[in-house]
Amino acid sequence: MTPRVTTKPAWVQLYDARQVPVEFEHRSPGRPPSPIPRHKVGMTLSQGEINELQAWQERFSNLLNRKVSLGETVGILTRICTARVNRLSTRGEFSTLADLVEKLIG
């Protein structure tokens, strides 16, 4: 490929180069999507439940030597509860929520 010979002065060539439309990569504004999709949810909690979540958040943060988010805390506790329910030998034998909670923590 031979270089293109032009008789235009350099300043005109620079001006022409600035006029060439540049195609930018179009993407949605903001942070790129997470590799693990997350969903924002709303909850109504009592002050006691909020205090417990904050206490667990602090415990996990201290264990990991980094700030653990409230979402991570809820996720960890949810997985712990799932594992405990899976270990229960009796299924469907709970007449009340209190019965279930007692079996999980007992």
PDB file of N, CA and C in Angstrom:
ATOM      1  N   MET A   1       0.851  -1.157   0.000  1.00  0.00           N
ATOM      2  CA  MET A   1       0.000   0.000   0.000  1.00  0.00           C
ATOM      3  C   MET A   1       0.909   1.235   0.000  1.00  0.00           C
ATOM      4  N   THR A   2       0.709   2.091  -0.936  1.00  0.00           N
ATOM      5  CA  THR A   2       1.532   3.293  -1.052  1.00  0.00           C
ATOM      6  C   THR A   2       0.892   4.423  -0.275  1.00  0.00           C
ATOM      7  N   PRO A   3       1.705   5.270   0.372  1.00  0.00           N
ATOM      8  CA  PRO A   3       1.134   6.401   1.107  1.00  0.00           C
ATOM      9  C   PRO A   3       0.428   7.361   0.177  1.00  0.00           C
ATOM     10  N   ARG A   4      -0.641   7.926   0.686  1.00  0.00           N
ATOM     11  CA  ARG A   4      -1.426   8.863  -0.099  1.00  0.00           C
ATOM     12  C   ARG A   4      -0.706  10.209  -0.149  1.00  0.00           C
ATOM     13  N   VAL A   5      -0.488  10.705  -1.347  1.00  0.00           N
ATOM     14  CA  VAL A   5       0.192  11.988  -1.525  1.00  0.00           C
ATOM     15  C   VAL A   5      -0.868  13.063  -1.615  1.00  0.00           C
ATOM     16  N   THR A   6      -0.672  14.109  -0.813  1.00  0.00           N
ATOM     17  CA  THR A   6      -1.627  15.205  -0.825  1.00  0.00           C
ATOM     18  C   THR A   6      -0.870  16.521  -0.932  1.00  0.00           C
ATOM     19  N   THR A   7      -1.525  17.492  -1.507  1.00  0.00           N
ATOM     20  CA  THR A   7      -0.909  18.809  -1.645  1.00  0.00           C
ATOM     21  C   THR A   7      -1.455  19.786  -0.626  1.00  0.00           C
ATOM     22  N   LYS A   8      -2.327  19.297   0.267  1.00  0.00           N
ATOM     23  CA  LYS A   8      -2.901  20.174   1.282  1.00  0.00           C
ATOM     24  C   LYS A   8      -1.840  20.474   2.337  1.00  0.00           C
ATOM     25  N   PRO A   9      -1.846  21.686   2.845  1.00  0.00           N
ATOM     26  CA  PRO A   9      -0.938  22.011   3.941  1.00  0.00           C
ATOM     27  C   PRO A   9      -1.287  21.190   5.188  1.00  0.00           C
ATOM     28  N   ALA A  10      -0.310  21.041   6.065  1.00  0.00           N
ATOM     29  CA  ALA A  10      -0.485  20.216   7.259  1.00  0.00           C
ATOM     30  C   ALA A  10      -1.648  20.707   8.120  1.00  0.00           C
ATOM     31  N   TRP A  11      -1.789  22.041   8.255  1.00  0.00           N
ATOM     32  CA  TRP A  11      -2.856  22.557   9.102  1.00  0.00           C
ATOM     33  C   TRP A  11      -4.228  22.229   8.536  1.00  0.00           C
ATOM     34  N   VAL A  12      -4.342  22.152   7.230  1.00  0.00           N
ATOM     35  CA  VAL A  12      -5.615  21.790   6.601  1.00  0.00           C
ATOM     36  C   VAL A  12      -5.883  20.305   6.832  1.00  0.00           C
ATOM     37  N   GLN A  13      -4.850  19.488   6.757  1.00  0.00           N
ATOM     38  CA  GLN A  13      -5.008  18.052   7.008  1.00  0.00           C
ATOM     39  C   GLN A  13      -5.467  17.804   8.449  1.00  0.00           C
ATOM     40  N   LEU A  14      -4.896  18.559   9.402  1.00  0.00           N
ATOM     41  CA  LEU A  14      -5.324  18.418  10.793  1.00  0.00           C
ATOM     42  C   LEU A  14      -6.778  18.824  10.968  1.00  0.00           C
ATOM     43  N   TYR A  15      -7.153  19.904  10.278  1.00  0.00           N
ATOM     44  CA  TYR A  15      -8.539  20.348  10.350  1.00  0.00           C
ATOM     45  C   TYR A  15      -9.465  19.276   9.777  1.00  0.00           C
ATOM     46  N   ASP A  16      -9.087  18.714   8.639  1.00  0.00           N
ATOM     47  CA  ASP A  16      -9.884  17.648   8.022  1.00  0.00           C
ATOM     48  C   ASP A  16      -9.994  16.436   8.946  1.00  0.00           C
ATOM     49  N   ALA A  17      -8.893  16.086   9.636  1.00  0.00           N
ATOM     50  CA  ALA A  17      -8.901  14.927  10.533  1.00  0.00           C
ATOM     51  C   ALA A  17      -9.868  15.137  11.694  1.00  0.00           C
ATOM     52  N   ARG A  18      -9.975  16.370  12.163  1.00  0.00           N
ATOM     53  CA  ARG A  18     -10.912  16.641  13.262  1.00  0.00           C
ATOM     54  C   ARG A  18     -12.358  16.545  12.812  1.00  0.00           C
ATOM     55  N   GLN A  19     -12.613  16.685  11.542  1.00  0.00           N
ATOM     56  CA  GLN A  19     -13.977  16.661  11.032  1.00  0.00           C
ATOM     57  C   GLN A  19     -14.473  15.247  10.736  1.00  0.00           C
ATOM     58  N   VAL A  20     -13.578  14.268  10.804  1.00  0.00           N
ATOM     59  CA  VAL A  20     -13.986  12.884  10.540  1.00  0.00           C
ATOM     60  C   VAL A  20     -14.845  12.413  11.725  1.00  0.00           C
ATOM     61  N   PRO A  21     -16.033  11.899  11.443  1.00  0.00           N
ATOM     62  CA  PRO A  21     -16.875  11.445  12.556  1.00  0.00           C
ATOM     63  C   PRO A  21     -16.218  10.255  13.272  1.00  0.00           C
ATOM     64  N   VAL A  22     -16.186  10.353  14.574  1.00  0.00           N
ATOM     65  CA  VAL A  22     -15.621   9.289  15.391  1.00  0.00           C
ATOM     66  C   VAL A  22     -16.766   8.490  15.984  1.00  0.00           C
ATOM     67  N   GLU A  23     -16.698   7.179  15.821  1.00  0.00           N
ATOM     68  CA  GLU A  23     -17.752   6.331  16.375  1.00  0.00           C
ATOM     69  C   GLU A  23     -17.330   5.885  17.769  1.00  0.00           C
ATOM     70  N   PHE A  24     -18.154   6.241  18.736  1.00  0.00           N
ATOM     71  CA  PHE A  24     -17.898   5.852  20.111  1.00  0.00           C
ATOM     72  C   PHE A  24     -18.674   4.592  20.427  1.00  0.00           C
ATOM     73  N   GLU A  25     -18.126   3.810  21.333  1.00  0.00           N
ATOM     74  CA  GLU A  25     -18.830   2.622  21.794  1.00  0.00           C
ATOM     75  C   GLU A  25     -19.994   3.078  22.661  1.00  0.00           C
ATOM     76  N   HIS A  26     -21.181   2.659  22.287  1.00  0.00           N
ATOM     77  CA  HIS A  26     -22.361   3.072  23.039  1.00  0.00           C
ATOM     78  C   HIS A  26     -22.657   2.030  24.108  1.00  0.00           C
ATOM     79  N   ARG A  27     -22.798   2.494  25.334  1.00  0.00           N
ATOM     80  CA  ARG A  27     -23.202   1.629  26.429  1.00  0.00           C
ATOM     81  C   ARG A  27     -24.040   2.462  27.379  1.00  0.00           C
ATOM     82  N   SER A  28     -24.754   1.783  28.223  1.00  0.00           N
ATOM     83  CA  SER A  28     -25.588   2.520  29.161  1.00  0.00           C
ATOM     84  C   SER A  28     -24.706   3.255  30.158  1.00  0.00           C
ATOM     85  N   PRO A  29     -25.165   4.397  30.632  1.00  0.00           N
ATOM     86  CA  PRO A  29     -24.350   5.166  31.580  1.00  0.00           C
ATOM     87  C   PRO A  29     -24.256   4.457  32.929  1.00  0.00           C
ATOM     88  N   GLY A  30     -23.251   4.801  33.673  1.00  0.00           N
ATOM     89  CA  GLY A  30     -23.097   4.268  35.027  1.00  0.00           C
ATOM     90  C   GLY A  30     -22.140   3.101  35.098  1.00  0.00           C
ATOM     91  N   ARG A  31     -22.213   2.419  36.222  1.00  0.00           N
ATOM     92  CA  ARG A  31     -21.324   1.291  36.495  1.00  0.00           C
ATOM     93  C   ARG A  31     -21.660   0.116  35.576  1.00  0.00           C
ATOM     94  N   PRO A  32     -20.644  -0.593  35.083  1.00  0.00           N
ATOM     95  CA  PRO A  32     -20.937  -1.762  34.242  1.00  0.00           C
ATOM     96  C   PRO A  32     -21.667  -2.840  35.050  1.00  0.00           C
ATOM     97  N   PRO A  33     -22.411  -3.696  34.388  1.00  0.00           N
ATOM     98  CA  PRO A  33     -23.181  -4.704  35.115  1.00  0.00           C
ATOM     99  C   PRO A  33     -22.273  -5.672  35.875  1.00  0.00           C
ATOM    100  N   SER A  34     -22.757  -6.126  37.001  1.00  0.00           N
ATOM    101  CA  SER A  34     -22.016  -7.067  37.835  1.00  0.00           C
ATOM    102  C   SER A  34     -22.039  -8.447  37.192  1.00  0.00           C
ATOM    103  N   PRO A  35     -20.978  -9.225  37.364  1.00  0.00           N
ATOM    104  CA  PRO A  35     -21.001 -10.589  36.820  1.00  0.00           C
ATOM    105  C   PRO A  35     -22.061 -11.449  37.502  1.00  0.00           C
ATOM    106  N   ILE A  36     -22.423 -11.091  38.733  1.00  0.00           N
ATOM    107  CA  ILE A  36     -23.496 -11.788  39.446  1.00  0.00           C
ATOM    108  C   ILE A  36     -24.637 -10.800  39.606  1.00  0.00           C
ATOM    109  N   PRO A  37     -25.745 -11.011  38.894  1.00  0.00           N
ATOM    110  CA  PRO A  37     -26.854 -10.052  38.973  1.00  0.00           C
ATOM    111  C   PRO A  37     -27.383  -9.927  40.406  1.00  0.00           C
ATOM    112  N   ARG A  38     -27.646  -8.714  40.827  1.00  0.00           N
ATOM    113  CA  ARG A  38     -28.184  -8.431  42.153  1.00  0.00           C
ATOM    114  C   ARG A  38     -29.492  -7.665  41.962  1.00  0.00           C
ATOM    115  N   HIS A  39     -30.392  -7.788  42.920  1.00  0.00           N
ATOM    116  CA  HIS A  39     -31.685  -7.112  42.836  1.00  0.00           C
ATOM    117  C   HIS A  39     -31.940  -6.341  44.119  1.00  0.00           C
ATOM    118  N   LYS A  40     -32.304  -5.090  43.976  1.00  0.00           N
ATOM    119  CA  LYS A  40     -32.614  -4.258  45.139  1.00  0.00           C
ATOM    120  C   LYS A  40     -34.004  -4.641  45.637  1.00  0.00           C
ATOM    121  N   VAL A  41     -34.099  -4.846  46.946  1.00  0.00           N
ATOM    122  CA  VAL A  41     -35.382  -5.196  47.551  1.00  0.00           C
ATOM    123  C   VAL A  41     -35.641  -4.282  48.736  1.00  0.00           C
ATOM    124  N   GLY A  42     -36.877  -4.170  49.099  1.00  0.00           N
ATOM    125  CA  GLY A  42     -37.258  -3.393  50.268  1.00  0.00           C
ATOM    126  C   GLY A  42     -37.818  -4.320  51.329  1.00  0.00           C
ATOM    127  N   MET A  43     -37.519  -4.026  52.593  1.00  0.00           N
ATOM    128  CA  MET A  43     -38.020  -4.853  53.700  1.00  0.00           C
ATOM    129  C   MET A  43     -38.500  -3.938  54.815  1.00  0.00           C
ATOM    130  N   THR A  44     -39.448  -4.426  55.563  1.00  0.00           N
ATOM    131  CA  THR A  44     -39.890  -3.746  56.761  1.00  0.00           C
ATOM    132  C   THR A  44     -39.399  -4.568  57.939  1.00  0.00           C
ATOM    133  N   LEU A  45     -38.516  -3.983  58.739  1.00  0.00           N
ATOM    134  CA  LEU A  45     -37.913  -4.696  59.859  1.00  0.00           C
ATOM    135  C   LEU A  45     -38.167  -3.946  61.156  1.00  0.00           C
ATOM    136  N   SER A  46     -38.229  -4.694  62.249  1.00  0.00           N
ATOM    137  CA  SER A  46     -38.326  -4.059  63.559  1.00  0.00           C
ATOM    138  C   SER A  46     -36.945  -3.536  63.942  1.00  0.00           C
ATOM    139  N   GLN A  47     -36.899  -2.675  64.943  1.00  0.00           N
ATOM    140  CA  GLN A  47     -35.613  -2.153  65.380  1.00  0.00           C
ATOM    141  C   GLN A  47     -34.725  -3.277  65.910  1.00  0.00           C
ATOM    142  N   GLY A  48     -35.330  -4.267  66.549  1.00  0.00           N
ATOM    143  CA  GLY A  48     -34.571  -5.412  67.042  1.00  0.00           C
ATOM    144  C   GLY A  48     -33.929  -6.189  65.904  1.00  0.00           C
ATOM    145  N   GLU A  49     -34.666  -6.385  64.822  1.00  0.00           N
ATOM    146  CA  GLU A  49     -34.121  -7.097  63.655  1.00  0.00           C
ATOM    147  C   GLU A  49     -33.009  -6.293  62.995  1.00  0.00           C
ATOM    148  N   ILE A  50     -33.183  -4.978  62.926  1.00  0.00           N
ATOM    149  CA  ILE A  50     -32.137  -4.118  62.361  1.00  0.00           C
ATOM    150  C   ILE A  50     -30.878  -4.204  63.211  1.00  0.00           C
ATOM    151  N   ASN A  51     -31.049  -4.169  64.539  1.00  0.00           N
ATOM    152  CA  ASN A  51     -29.895  -4.272  65.434  1.00  0.00           C
ATOM    153  C   ASN A  51     -29.163  -5.600  65.258  1.00  0.00           C
ATOM    154  N   GLU A  52     -29.918  -6.684  65.117  1.00  0.00           N
ATOM    155  CA  GLU A  52     -29.312  -8.004  64.910  1.00  0.00           C
ATOM    156  C   GLU A  52     -28.532  -8.047  63.591  1.00  0.00           C
ATOM    157  N   LEU A  53     -29.129  -7.501  62.533  1.00  0.00           N
ATOM    158  CA  LEU A  53     -28.429  -7.482  61.236  1.00  0.00           C
ATOM    159  C   LEU A  53     -27.149  -6.657  61.323  1.00  0.00           C
ATOM    160  N   GLN A  54     -27.216  -5.523  61.991  1.00  0.00           N
ATOM    161  CA  GLN A  54     -26.026  -4.690  62.127  1.00  0.00           C
ATOM    162  C   GLN A  54     -24.951  -5.384  62.964  1.00  0.00           C
ATOM    163  N   ALA A  55     -25.371  -6.121  63.994  1.00  0.00           N
ATOM    164  CA  ALA A  55     -24.412  -6.868  64.811  1.00  0.00           C
ATOM    165  C   ALA A  55     -23.734  -7.955  63.972  1.00  0.00           C
ATOM    166  N   TRP A  56     -24.526  -8.667  63.171  1.00  0.00           N
ATOM    167  CA  TRP A  56     -23.938  -9.696  62.300  1.00  0.00           C
ATOM    168  C   TRP A  56     -23.030  -9.076  61.252  1.00  0.00           C
ATOM    169  N   GLN A  57     -23.439  -7.938  60.722  1.00  0.00           N
ATOM    170  CA  GLN A  57     -22.615  -7.243  59.735  1.00  0.00           C
ATOM    171  C   GLN A  57     -21.252  -6.901  60.340  1.00  0.00           C
ATOM    172  N   GLU A  58     -21.259  -6.413  61.563  1.00  0.00           N
ATOM    173  CA  GLU A  58     -20.001  -6.068  62.235  1.00  0.00           C
ATOM    174  C   GLU A  58     -19.169  -7.325  62.506  1.00  0.00           C
ATOM    175  N   ARG A  59     -19.819  -8.411  62.942  1.00  0.00           N
ATOM    176  CA  ARG A  59     -19.092  -9.663  63.186  1.00  0.00           C
ATOM    177  C   ARG A  59     -18.417 -10.160  61.911  1.00  0.00           C
ATOM    178  N   PHE A  60     -19.172 -10.198  60.814  1.00  0.00           N
ATOM    179  CA  PHE A  60     -18.606 -10.673  59.549  1.00  0.00           C
ATOM    180  C   PHE A  60     -17.481  -9.751  59.084  1.00  0.00           C
ATOM    181  N   SER A  61     -17.658  -8.447  59.267  1.00  0.00           N
ATOM    182  CA  SER A  61     -16.615  -7.491  58.879  1.00  0.00           C
ATOM    183  C   SER A  61     -15.336  -7.741  59.670  1.00  0.00           C
ATOM    184  N   ASN A  62     -15.478  -7.989  60.972  1.00  0.00           N
ATOM    185  CA  ASN A  62     -14.309  -8.265  61.805  1.00  0.00           C
ATOM    186  C   ASN A  62     -13.639  -9.579  61.417  1.00  0.00           C
ATOM    187  N   LEU A  63     -14.433 -10.589  61.111  1.00  0.00           N
ATOM    188  CA  LEU A  63     -13.864 -11.890  60.715  1.00  0.00           C
ATOM    189  C   LEU A  63     -13.110 -11.805  59.395  1.00  0.00           C
ATOM    190  N   LEU A  64     -13.600 -10.981  58.475  1.00  0.00           N
ATOM    191  CA  LEU A  64     -13.008 -10.888  57.143  1.00  0.00           C
ATOM    192  C   LEU A  64     -12.009  -9.738  57.002  1.00  0.00           C
ATOM    193  N   ASN A  65     -11.895  -8.917  58.050  1.00  0.00           N
ATOM    194  CA  ASN A  65     -11.001  -7.756  58.004  1.00  0.00           C
ATOM    195  C   ASN A  65     -11.304  -6.825  56.836  1.00  0.00           C
ATOM    196  N   ARG A  66     -12.597  -6.666  56.543  1.00  0.00           N
ATOM    197  CA  ARG A  66     -13.050  -5.717  55.524  1.00  0.00           C
ATOM    198  C   ARG A  66     -14.495  -5.376  55.814  1.00  0.00           C
ATOM    199  N   LYS A  67     -14.973  -4.309  55.225  1.00  0.00           N
ATOM    200  CA  LYS A  67     -16.373  -3.905  55.402  1.00  0.00           C
ATOM    201  C   LYS A  67     -17.261  -4.868  54.622  1.00  0.00           C
ATOM    202  N   VAL A  68     -18.190  -5.478  55.307  1.00  0.00           N
ATOM    203  CA  VAL A  68     -19.173  -6.361  54.676  1.00  0.00           C
ATOM    204  C   VAL A  68     -20.470  -5.565  54.549  1.00  0.00           C
ATOM    205  N   SER A  69     -21.048  -5.559  53.368  1.00  0.00           N
ATOM    206  CA  SER A  69     -22.277  -4.785  53.150  1.00  0.00           C
ATOM    207  C   SER A  69     -23.465  -5.470  53.812  1.00  0.00           C
ATOM    208  N   LEU A  70     -24.521  -4.712  53.994  1.00  0.00           N
ATOM    209  CA  LEU A  70     -25.737  -5.274  54.564  1.00  0.00           C
ATOM    210  C   LEU A  70     -26.314  -6.349  53.649  1.00  0.00           C
ATOM    211  N   GLY A  71     -26.221  -6.134  52.344  1.00  0.00           N
ATOM    212  CA  GLY A  71     -26.697  -7.144  51.392  1.00  0.00           C
ATOM    213  C   GLY A  71     -25.916  -8.444  51.500  1.00  0.00           C
ATOM    214  N   GLU A  72     -24.586  -8.326  51.657  1.00  0.00           N
ATOM    215  CA  GLU A  72     -23.761  -9.531  51.842  1.00  0.00           C
ATOM    216  C   GLU A  72     -24.135 -10.234  53.142  1.00  0.00           C
ATOM    217  N   THR A  73     -24.391  -9.448  54.186  1.00  0.00           N
ATOM    218  CA  THR A  73     -24.769 -10.014  55.481  1.00  0.00           C
ATOM    219  C   THR A  73     -26.066 -10.808  55.368  1.00  0.00           C
ATOM    220  N   VAL A  74     -27.062 -10.220  54.740  1.00  0.00           N
ATOM    221  CA  VAL A  74     -28.344 -10.912  54.549  1.00  0.00           C
ATOM    222  C   VAL A  74     -28.132 -12.167  53.707  1.00  0.00           C
ATOM    223  N   GLY A  75     -27.300 -12.074  52.675  1.00  0.00           N
ATOM    224  CA  GLY A  75     -27.031 -13.237  51.839  1.00  0.00           C
ATOM    225  C   GLY A  75     -26.371 -14.368  52.605  1.00  0.00           C
ATOM    226  N   ILE A  76     -25.386 -14.033  53.442  1.00  0.00           N
ATOM    227  CA  ILE A  76     -24.702 -15.059  54.246  1.00  0.00           C
ATOM    228  C   ILE A  76     -25.679 -15.710  55.211  1.00  0.00           C
ATOM    229  N   LEU A  77     -26.460 -14.892  55.925  1.00  0.00           N
ATOM    230  CA  LEU A  77     -27.412 -15.437  56.881  1.00  0.00           C
ATOM    231  C   LEU A  77     -28.479 -16.295  56.201  1.00  0.00           C
ATOM    232  N   THR A  78     -28.882 -15.892  55.011  1.00  0.00           N
ATOM    233  CA  THR A  78     -29.865 -16.672  54.258  1.00  0.00           C
ATOM    234  C   THR A  78     -29.312 -18.044  53.907  1.00  0.00           C
ATOM    235  N   ARG A  79     -28.063 -18.093  53.480  1.00  0.00           N
ATOM    236  CA  ARG A  79     -27.452 -19.379  53.138  1.00  0.00           C
ATOM    237  C   ARG A  79     -27.249 -20.253  54.371  1.00  0.00           C
ATOM    238  N   ILE A  80     -26.935 -19.637  55.514  1.00  0.00           N
ATOM    239  CA  ILE A  80     -26.819 -20.403  56.752  1.00  0.00           C
ATOM    240  C   ILE A  80     -28.172 -21.019  57.114  1.00  0.00           C
ATOM    241  N   CYS A  81     -29.244 -20.239  57.006  1.00  0.00           N
ATOM    242  CA  CYS A  81     -30.586 -20.752  57.293  1.00  0.00           C
ATOM    243  C   CYS A  81     -30.974 -21.871  56.334  1.00  0.00           C
ATOM    244  N   THR A  82     -30.621 -21.723  55.079  1.00  0.00           N
ATOM    245  CA  THR A  82     -30.913 -22.776  54.097  1.00  0.00           C
ATOM    246  C   THR A  82     -30.220 -24.075  54.482  1.00  0.00           C
ATOM    247  N   ALA A  83     -28.957 -23.978  54.877  1.00  0.00           N
ATOM    248  CA  ALA A  83     -28.210 -25.176  55.282  1.00  0.00           C
ATOM    249  C   ALA A  83     -28.844 -25.808  56.522  1.00  0.00           C
ATOM    250  N   ARG A  84     -29.274 -24.980  57.480  1.00  0.00           N
ATOM    251  CA  ARG A  84     -29.898 -25.522  58.697  1.00  0.00           C
ATOM    252  C   ARG A  84     -31.229 -26.208  58.383  1.00  0.00           C
ATOM    253  N   VAL A  85     -32.026 -25.607  57.545  1.00  0.00           N
ATOM    254  CA  VAL A  85     -33.308 -26.225  57.182  1.00  0.00           C
ATOM    255  C   VAL A  85     -33.057 -27.548  56.468  1.00  0.00           C
ATOM    256  N   ASN A  86     -32.050 -27.585  55.605  1.00  0.00           N
ATOM    257  CA  ASN A  86     -31.741 -28.825  54.893  1.00  0.00           C
ATOM    258  C   ASN A  86     -31.284 -29.933  55.835  1.00  0.00           C
ATOM    259  N   ARG A  87     -30.724 -29.573  57.009  1.00  0.00           N
ATOM    260  CA  ARG A  87     -30.266 -30.572  57.976  1.00  0.00           C
ATOM    261  C   ARG A  87     -31.392 -31.105  58.865  1.00  0.00           C
ATOM    262  N   LEU A  88     -32.513 -30.422  58.880  1.00  0.00           N
ATOM    263  CA  LEU A  88     -33.610 -30.872  59.735  1.00  0.00           C
ATOM    264  C   LEU A  88     -34.102 -32.239  59.275  1.00  0.00           C
ATOM    265  N   SER A  89     -34.266 -33.144  60.233  1.00  0.00           N
ATOM    266  CA  SER A  89     -34.728 -34.487  59.878  1.00  0.00           C
ATOM    267  C   SER A  89     -36.241 -34.522  59.717  1.00  0.00           C
ATOM    268  N   THR A  90     -36.942 -33.627  60.386  1.00  0.00           N
ATOM    269  CA  THR A  90     -38.398 -33.580  60.287  1.00  0.00           C
ATOM    270  C   THR A  90     -38.798 -32.436  59.370  1.00  0.00           C
ATOM    271  N   ARG A  91     -39.562 -32.743  58.389  1.00  0.00           N
ATOM    272  CA  ARG A  91     -40.007 -31.721  57.442  1.00  0.00           C
ATOM    273  C   ARG A  91     -41.529 -31.618  57.507  1.00  0.00           C
ATOM    274  N   GLY A  92     -42.010 -30.404  57.485  1.00  0.00           N
ATOM    275  CA  GLY A  92     -43.446 -30.181  57.472  1.00  0.00           C
ATOM    276  C   GLY A  92     -44.137 -30.476  58.791  1.00  0.00           C
ATOM    277  N   GLU A  93     -43.371 -30.619  59.871  1.00  0.00           N
ATOM    278  CA  GLU A  93     -43.975 -30.924  61.166  1.00  0.00           C
ATOM    279  C   GLU A  93     -44.057 -29.687  62.059  1.00  0.00           C
ATOM    280  N   PHE A  94     -44.133 -28.529  61.472  1.00  0.00           N
ATOM    281  CA  PHE A  94     -44.166 -27.291  62.246  1.00  0.00           C
ATOM    282  C   PHE A  94     -45.545 -26.672  62.104  1.00  0.00           C
ATOM    283  N   SER A  95     -46.173 -26.429  63.251  1.00  0.00           N
ATOM    284  CA  SER A  95     -47.513 -25.838  63.191  1.00  0.00           C
ATOM    285  C   SER A  95     -47.454 -24.318  63.218  1.00  0.00           C
ATOM    286  N   THR A  96     -46.366 -23.757  63.749  1.00  0.00           N
ATOM    287  CA  THR A  96     -46.247 -22.305  63.811  1.00  0.00           C
ATOM    288  C   THR A  96     -44.832 -21.885  63.419  1.00  0.00           C
ATOM    289  N   LEU A  97     -44.700 -20.604  63.153  1.00  0.00           N
ATOM    290  CA  LEU A  97     -43.382 -20.045  62.853  1.00  0.00           C
ATOM    291  C   LEU A  97     -42.459 -20.194  64.059  1.00  0.00           C
ATOM    292  N   ALA A  98     -43.002 -20.042  65.251  1.00  0.00           N
ATOM    293  CA  ALA A  98     -42.209 -20.205  66.479  1.00  0.00           C
ATOM    294  C   ALA A  98     -41.644 -21.617  66.566  1.00  0.00           C
ATOM    295  N   ASP A  99     -42.441 -22.640  66.182  1.00  0.00           N
ATOM    296  CA  ASP A  99     -41.946 -24.024  66.181  1.00  0.00           C
ATOM    297  C   ASP A  99     -40.751 -24.181  65.251  1.00  0.00           C
ATOM    298  N   LEU A 100     -40.863 -23.609  64.074  1.00  0.00           N
ATOM    299  CA  LEU A 100     -39.776 -23.690  63.095  1.00  0.00           C
ATOM    300  C   LEU A 100     -38.514 -23.004  63.627  1.00  0.00           C
ATOM    301  N   VAL A 101     -38.679 -21.799  64.174  1.00  0.00           N
ATOM    302  CA  VAL A 101     -37.533 -21.068  64.702  1.00  0.00           C
ATOM    303  C   VAL A 101     -36.875 -21.843  65.832  1.00  0.00           C
ATOM    304  N   GLU A 102     -37.668 -22.397  66.734  1.00  0.00           N
ATOM    305  CA  GLU A 102     -37.106 -23.178  67.837  1.00  0.00           C
ATOM    306  C   GLU A 102     -36.308 -24.365  67.323  1.00  0.00           C
ATOM    307  N   LYS A 103     -36.825 -25.022  66.308  1.00  0.00           N
ATOM    308  CA  LYS A 103     -36.119 -26.183  65.745  1.00  0.00           C
ATOM    309  C   LYS A 103     -34.801 -25.736  65.080  1.00  0.00           C
ATOM    310  N   LEU A 104     -34.815 -24.580  64.421  1.00  0.00           N
ATOM    311  CA  LEU A 104     -33.605 -24.088  63.753  1.00  0.00           C
ATOM    312  C   LEU A 104     -32.524 -23.683  64.752  1.00  0.00           C
ATOM    313  N   ILE A 105     -32.922 -23.055  65.853  1.00  0.00           N
ATOM    314  CA  ILE A 105     -31.915 -22.576  66.791  1.00  0.00           C
ATOM    315  C   ILE A 105     -31.652 -23.545  67.924  1.00  0.00           C
ATOM    316  N   GLY A 106     -32.523 -24.562  68.087  1.00  0.00           N
ATOM    317  CA  GLY A 106     -32.403 -25.493  69.210  1.00  0.00           C
ATOM    318  C   GLY A 106     -31.389 -26.567  69.042  1.00  0.00           C
TER     319      GLY A 106
END
